[in-house]
N, C-alpha and C. Protein backbone atom coordinates (compact mmCIF):
# COMPACT_ATOMS: atom_id res chain seq x y z
N UNK A 1 -8.58 2.14 -33.24
CA UNK A 1 -7.99 0.74 -33.47
C UNK A 1 -9.60 0.07 -32.73
N UNK A 2 -9.18 -1.21 -33.75
CA UNK A 2 -10.71 -2.43 -33.19
C UNK A 2 -9.98 -2.91 -32.01
N UNK A 3 -11.25 -3.80 -31.26
CA UNK A 3 -11.21 -4.89 -29.85
C UNK A 3 -10.95 -5.88 -30.65
N UNK A 4 -9.94 -6.39 -29.68
CA UNK A 4 -9.54 -7.83 -29.80
C UNK A 4 -10.32 -8.71 -29.21
N UNK A 5 -10.66 -9.45 -29.85
CA UNK A 5 -11.80 -10.69 -29.61
C UNK A 5 -10.72 -11.44 -29.02
N UNK A 6 -11.10 -11.78 -27.68
CA UNK A 6 -10.89 -12.63 -26.84
C UNK A 6 -11.41 -13.83 -26.14
N UNK A 7 -10.64 -15.41 -26.22
CA UNK A 7 -11.70 -16.54 -25.82
C UNK A 7 -12.20 -16.64 -24.79
N UNK A 8 -11.59 -15.76 -23.85
CA UNK A 8 -11.99 -16.04 -22.61
C UNK A 8 -12.83 -14.28 -22.25
N UNK A 9 -13.87 -14.90 -21.52
CA UNK A 9 -14.99 -13.67 -20.90
C UNK A 9 -14.51 -13.14 -19.98
N UNK A 10 -14.38 -11.49 -19.58
CA UNK A 10 -14.19 -10.61 -19.39
C UNK A 10 -14.37 -11.15 -17.51
N UNK A 11 -15.54 -11.69 -17.45
CA UNK A 11 -15.92 -11.86 -16.04
C UNK A 11 -14.98 -13.28 -15.60
N UNK A 12 -14.15 -13.46 -16.44
CA UNK A 12 -13.28 -14.54 -15.66
C UNK A 12 -12.33 -14.37 -15.32
N UNK A 13 -11.61 -12.57 -15.65
CA UNK A 13 -10.81 -12.30 -15.03
C UNK A 13 -10.89 -11.51 -13.96
N UNK A 14 -12.22 -10.86 -14.41
CA UNK A 14 -12.51 -9.95 -12.70
C UNK A 14 -12.83 -11.64 -11.84
N UNK A 15 -13.22 -12.24 -11.81
CA UNK A 15 -13.26 -13.27 -10.97
C UNK A 15 -11.86 -13.86 -10.31
N UNK A 16 -10.99 -13.84 -11.20
CA UNK A 16 -9.61 -14.12 -10.69
C UNK A 16 -8.68 -13.03 -10.08
N UNK A 17 -9.29 -11.32 -10.63
CA UNK A 17 -8.93 -10.97 -9.61
C UNK A 17 -9.59 -10.32 -8.44
N UNK A 18 -10.95 -10.60 -7.87
CA UNK A 18 -11.44 -10.79 -6.83
C UNK A 18 -10.45 -11.73 -6.06
N UNK A 19 -10.49 -12.84 -6.22
CA UNK A 19 -9.75 -13.82 -5.78
C UNK A 19 -8.33 -13.62 -5.69
N UNK A 20 -7.61 -12.84 -5.63
CA UNK A 20 -5.95 -12.50 -5.59
C UNK A 20 -6.49 -11.30 -4.26
N UNK A 21 -7.43 -10.37 -5.30
CA UNK A 21 -7.50 -9.62 -3.81
C UNK A 21 -8.29 -9.74 -2.34
N UNK A 22 -8.74 -11.13 -2.65
CA UNK A 22 -9.11 -11.70 -1.26
C UNK A 22 -8.56 -12.29 -0.86
N UNK A 23 -7.77 -12.80 -1.14
CA UNK A 23 -6.42 -13.47 -0.46
C UNK A 23 -5.62 -11.97 -0.28
N UNK A 24 -5.20 -11.68 -0.65
CA UNK A 24 -4.32 -10.55 -0.24
C UNK A 24 -4.74 -9.32 0.85
N UNK A 25 -6.19 -9.16 0.84
CA UNK A 25 -7.10 -8.30 2.31
C UNK A 25 -7.15 -9.79 3.47
N UNK A 26 -7.35 -10.74 3.23
CA UNK A 26 -7.33 -12.07 4.18
C UNK A 26 -5.47 -12.09 4.66
N UNK A 27 -4.62 -11.94 4.05
CA UNK A 27 -3.44 -11.86 4.41
C UNK A 27 -3.24 -10.62 5.67
N UNK A 28 -3.78 -9.07 5.06
CA UNK A 28 -3.24 -8.15 5.26
C UNK A 28 -4.17 -8.42 6.98
N UNK A 29 -4.99 -8.71 7.22
CA UNK A 29 -6.23 -8.82 8.39
C UNK A 29 -5.68 -9.59 9.60
N UNK A 30 -5.07 -10.66 8.75
CA UNK A 30 -4.89 -12.19 9.86
C UNK A 30 -3.08 -11.98 9.77
N UNK A 31 -2.30 -11.26 9.20
CA UNK A 31 -0.89 -11.61 9.71
C UNK A 31 -0.49 -10.34 10.34
N UNK A 32 0.53 -10.63 11.18
CA UNK A 32 1.08 -9.53 12.11
C UNK A 32 2.54 -9.74 11.45
N UNK A 33 3.40 -10.39 10.89
CA UNK A 33 4.55 -10.11 10.52
C UNK A 33 4.46 -9.60 9.53
N UNK A 34 5.55 -8.17 9.23
CA UNK A 34 5.77 -7.30 8.48
C UNK A 34 5.66 -7.64 6.85
N UNK A 35 6.81 -8.89 7.26
CA UNK A 35 7.02 -9.34 5.11
C UNK A 35 5.85 -9.93 4.59
N UNK A 36 5.08 -10.41 5.31
CA UNK A 36 3.54 -10.82 4.73
C UNK A 36 2.67 -10.19 4.67
N UNK A 37 2.79 -8.63 5.15
CA UNK A 37 1.65 -8.07 5.33
C UNK A 37 2.34 -7.09 3.64
N UNK A 38 2.93 -6.91 3.63
CA UNK A 38 3.98 -6.68 2.56
C UNK A 38 3.30 -7.17 1.06
N UNK A 39 3.88 -8.46 1.90
CA UNK A 39 3.53 -9.79 0.55
C UNK A 39 2.35 -9.40 -0.15
N UNK A 40 0.78 -9.14 0.94
CA UNK A 40 -0.91 -8.90 0.99
C UNK A 40 -1.15 -7.67 0.24
N UNK A 41 0.01 -6.76 0.28
CA UNK A 41 -0.31 -5.54 -0.19
C UNK A 41 -0.31 -5.60 -1.71
N UNK A 42 0.73 -6.45 -2.00
CA UNK A 42 1.17 -6.39 -3.01
C UNK A 42 -0.05 -7.43 -4.15
N UNK A 43 -0.01 -8.45 -3.66
CA UNK A 43 -1.62 -9.22 -4.29
C UNK A 43 -2.75 -8.14 -4.54
N UNK A 44 -2.85 -7.35 -3.67
CA UNK A 44 -3.79 -6.11 -3.27
C UNK A 44 -3.67 -5.69 -4.86
N UNK A 45 -2.67 -5.06 -5.15
CA UNK A 45 -2.38 -4.04 -6.24
C UNK A 45 -2.06 -4.82 -7.91
N UNK A 46 -1.48 -6.23 -7.43
CA UNK A 46 -2.05 -7.06 -8.65
C UNK A 46 -3.26 -7.36 -9.12
N UNK A 47 -3.99 -7.79 -8.05
CA UNK A 47 -5.52 -7.61 -8.38
C UNK A 47 -6.23 -6.41 -8.90
N UNK A 48 -5.57 -5.16 -8.60
CA UNK A 48 -6.04 -3.55 -9.12
C UNK A 48 -5.16 -3.93 -11.07
N UNK A 49 -4.52 -4.65 -10.92
CA UNK A 49 -3.73 -4.46 -12.32
C UNK A 49 -4.48 -5.56 -13.39
N UNK A 50 -4.74 -6.43 -12.58
CA UNK A 50 -5.44 -7.63 -13.06
C UNK A 50 -7.15 -6.73 -13.89
N UNK A 51 -7.78 -6.35 -13.10
CA UNK A 51 -8.29 -5.81 -13.83
C UNK A 51 -8.29 -4.44 -14.39
N UNK A 52 -7.21 -3.46 -14.03
CA UNK A 52 -7.27 -2.85 -15.54
C UNK A 52 -6.76 -3.33 -16.94
N UNK A 53 -5.99 -4.67 -16.69
CA UNK A 53 -5.51 -5.05 -17.79
C UNK A 53 -6.52 -5.96 -19.00
N UNK A 54 -7.56 -6.31 -17.56
CA UNK A 54 -8.90 -6.91 -18.57
C UNK A 54 -10.06 -5.68 -19.29
N UNK A 55 -10.15 -4.70 -18.26
CA UNK A 55 -10.67 -3.78 -18.99
C UNK A 55 -9.98 -3.20 -20.19
N UNK A 56 -8.90 -2.84 -20.44
CA UNK A 56 -8.28 -2.41 -21.71
C UNK A 56 -8.80 -3.66 -22.77
N UNK A 57 -8.54 -4.83 -22.87
CA UNK A 57 -8.38 -6.13 -23.21
C UNK A 57 -10.15 -5.95 -23.79
N UNK A 58 -10.99 -5.58 -23.25
CA UNK A 58 -12.24 -5.40 -23.63
C UNK A 58 -12.38 -4.83 -24.20
N UNK A 59 -12.02 -3.44 -23.74
CA UNK A 59 -12.66 -1.77 -24.36
C UNK A 59 -11.62 -1.61 -25.66
N UNK A 60 -10.71 -2.47 -26.23
CA UNK A 60 -9.92 -2.49 -26.44
C UNK A 60 -9.20 -1.09 -26.78
N UNK A 61 -8.34 -0.65 -25.83
CA UNK A 61 -7.82 0.44 -25.30
C UNK A 61 -6.62 0.43 -23.98
N UNK A 62 -5.65 1.56 -24.52
CA UNK A 62 -4.16 0.92 -23.63
C UNK A 62 -4.52 1.96 -22.80
N UNK A 63 -5.33 2.22 -22.25
CA UNK A 63 -5.60 3.04 -21.22
C UNK A 63 -5.23 2.65 -19.85
N UNK A 64 -5.98 1.27 -19.52
CA UNK A 64 -5.58 0.17 -18.95
C UNK A 64 -4.04 -0.26 -18.72
N UNK A 65 -3.87 -0.55 -19.88
CA UNK A 65 -2.06 -0.83 -19.75
C UNK A 65 -0.93 -0.05 -19.24
N UNK A 66 -1.37 0.97 -19.48
CA UNK A 66 -1.21 2.49 -18.85
C UNK A 66 -0.75 2.25 -17.11
N UNK A 67 -2.30 2.67 -16.98
CA UNK A 67 -2.13 2.22 -15.63
C UNK A 67 -1.54 1.27 -14.76
N UNK A 68 -1.86 0.25 -15.38
CA UNK A 68 -0.84 -0.70 -14.94
C UNK A 68 0.49 -1.38 -14.94
N UNK A 69 1.17 -0.45 -16.04
CA UNK A 69 2.63 -0.11 -15.48
C UNK A 69 2.51 1.30 -14.53
N UNK A 70 1.97 2.38 -14.66
CA UNK A 70 2.22 2.65 -12.96
C UNK A 70 2.02 2.75 -11.98
N UNK A 71 1.16 1.30 -11.84
CA UNK A 71 0.89 0.66 -10.60
C UNK A 71 2.30 -0.26 -10.20
N UNK A 72 2.60 -0.65 -11.06
CA UNK A 72 3.66 -1.88 -11.02
C UNK A 72 5.13 -0.04 -10.34
N UNK A 73 5.22 0.76 -10.86
CA UNK A 73 5.96 1.42 -10.63
C UNK A 73 5.86 2.03 -9.45
N UNK A 74 4.79 2.26 -8.85
CA UNK A 74 4.46 2.43 -7.65
C UNK A 74 4.27 1.67 -6.76
N UNK A 75 4.21 0.25 -6.84
CA UNK A 75 4.50 -1.58 -6.29
C UNK A 75 6.10 -1.16 -6.10
N UNK A 76 7.31 -0.68 -7.16
CA UNK A 76 8.19 -1.24 -6.99
C UNK A 76 8.75 0.02 -5.68
N UNK A 77 8.29 1.25 -5.57
CA UNK A 77 8.12 2.39 -4.87
C UNK A 77 7.81 1.60 -3.56
N UNK A 78 6.71 0.98 -3.09
CA UNK A 78 6.33 0.77 -1.89
C UNK A 78 7.35 -0.27 -1.81
N UNK A 79 7.79 -1.13 -2.32
CA UNK A 79 8.49 -2.39 -1.71
C UNK A 79 9.81 -1.85 -0.84
N UNK A 80 10.48 -0.68 -1.87
CA UNK A 80 11.30 -0.04 -1.51
C UNK A 80 11.58 0.16 -0.02
N UNK A 81 10.80 1.55 0.09
CA UNK A 81 10.44 1.91 0.87
C UNK A 81 9.92 1.34 2.15
N UNK A 82 8.85 -0.05 2.32
CA UNK A 82 8.85 -1.60 2.65
C UNK A 82 9.83 -2.02 3.56
N UNK A 83 10.39 -2.33 2.18
CA UNK A 83 11.89 -3.30 2.73
C UNK A 83 12.83 -1.85 3.82
N UNK A 84 12.65 -1.00 3.43
CA UNK A 84 13.48 0.17 4.69
C UNK A 84 12.91 0.00 5.91
N UNK A 85 11.77 0.30 5.97
CA UNK A 85 11.23 0.24 7.12
C UNK A 85 11.31 -1.30 7.86
N UNK A 86 11.36 -2.12 7.49
CA UNK A 86 10.94 -3.79 7.87
C UNK A 86 12.87 -3.63 8.27
N UNK A 87 13.65 -3.11 7.94
CA UNK A 87 14.93 -3.56 8.15
C UNK A 87 15.56 -2.38 9.36
N UNK A 88 14.96 -1.30 9.00
CA UNK A 88 14.93 -0.79 10.73
C UNK A 88 13.67 -1.27 11.73
N UNK A 89 13.03 -1.86 11.70
CA UNK A 89 11.97 -2.63 12.38
C UNK A 89 12.82 -3.96 13.00
N UNK A 90 13.68 -4.55 12.45
CA UNK A 90 14.41 -5.57 12.62
C UNK A 90 15.24 -5.26 13.59
N UNK A 91 16.44 -3.86 13.08
CA UNK A 91 17.37 -4.10 13.63
C UNK A 91 17.16 -3.19 15.07
N UNK A 92 15.66 -2.57 15.49
CA UNK A 92 15.56 -1.84 16.36
C UNK A 92 15.09 -2.75 17.58
N UNK A 93 14.39 -4.17 17.12
CA UNK A 93 13.79 -4.71 17.72
C UNK A 93 13.77 -6.30 17.84
N UNK A 94 14.44 -6.62 16.61
CA UNK A 94 14.78 -8.16 17.02
C UNK A 94 13.65 -8.83 16.06
N UNK A 95 12.90 -8.29 15.83
CA UNK A 95 11.10 -9.28 15.40
C UNK A 95 10.88 -8.57 14.17
N UNK A 96 9.91 -8.61 13.50
CA UNK A 96 9.53 -8.31 12.22
C UNK A 96 7.95 -8.06 12.50
N UNK A 97 7.45 -8.57 13.79
CA UNK A 97 6.12 -8.20 14.12
C UNK A 97 5.81 -6.71 14.19
N UNK A 98 4.69 -6.44 13.52
CA UNK A 98 4.07 -4.69 13.43
C UNK A 98 3.73 -4.61 14.96
N UNK A 99 2.98 -5.56 15.69
CA UNK A 99 2.50 -5.03 16.61
C UNK A 99 3.18 -4.84 18.13
N UNK A 100 4.74 -4.93 17.69
CA UNK A 100 5.67 -5.46 19.19
C UNK A 100 6.14 -3.64 19.06
N UNK A 101 6.79 -3.31 18.41
CA UNK A 101 7.38 -1.86 18.34
C UNK A 101 6.26 -0.92 18.72
N UNK A 102 5.97 -0.46 20.19
CA UNK A 102 4.95 0.20 20.22
C UNK A 102 5.92 2.05 20.68
N UNK A 103 7.06 1.54 20.37
CA UNK A 103 7.49 2.54 20.64
C UNK A 103 7.92 3.98 19.53
N UNK A 104 8.27 3.06 18.04
CA UNK A 104 7.45 4.08 16.99
C UNK A 104 6.90 4.55 16.70
N UNK A 105 5.39 4.83 17.87
CA UNK A 105 4.38 4.97 17.44
C UNK A 105 4.40 6.79 18.22
N UNK A 106 4.19 7.96 17.55
CA UNK A 106 4.30 9.82 18.06
C UNK A 106 4.94 9.20 19.59
């Protein structure tokens, strides 16, 4: 299979992925609300997907796109489990702040 020539150089994809990852990392480190935390983790996973697809385009191989599909499936499972935990957190404590429920630890 031959590589498809793209008019956009791969460095731009990597720069976009780094920016999205940094926004997600900033959200994880600064937010205390569980929903924002979950969305920030999703941004970080999407940044990894951008890298996978960019390298798949650069090398002309479909492996990166297959990995991106697995990451999307993993993200869907993570959201399902995360939303369940957030609902239990809200039901028991009335807030979605991750620093409030200290009784759920050990």
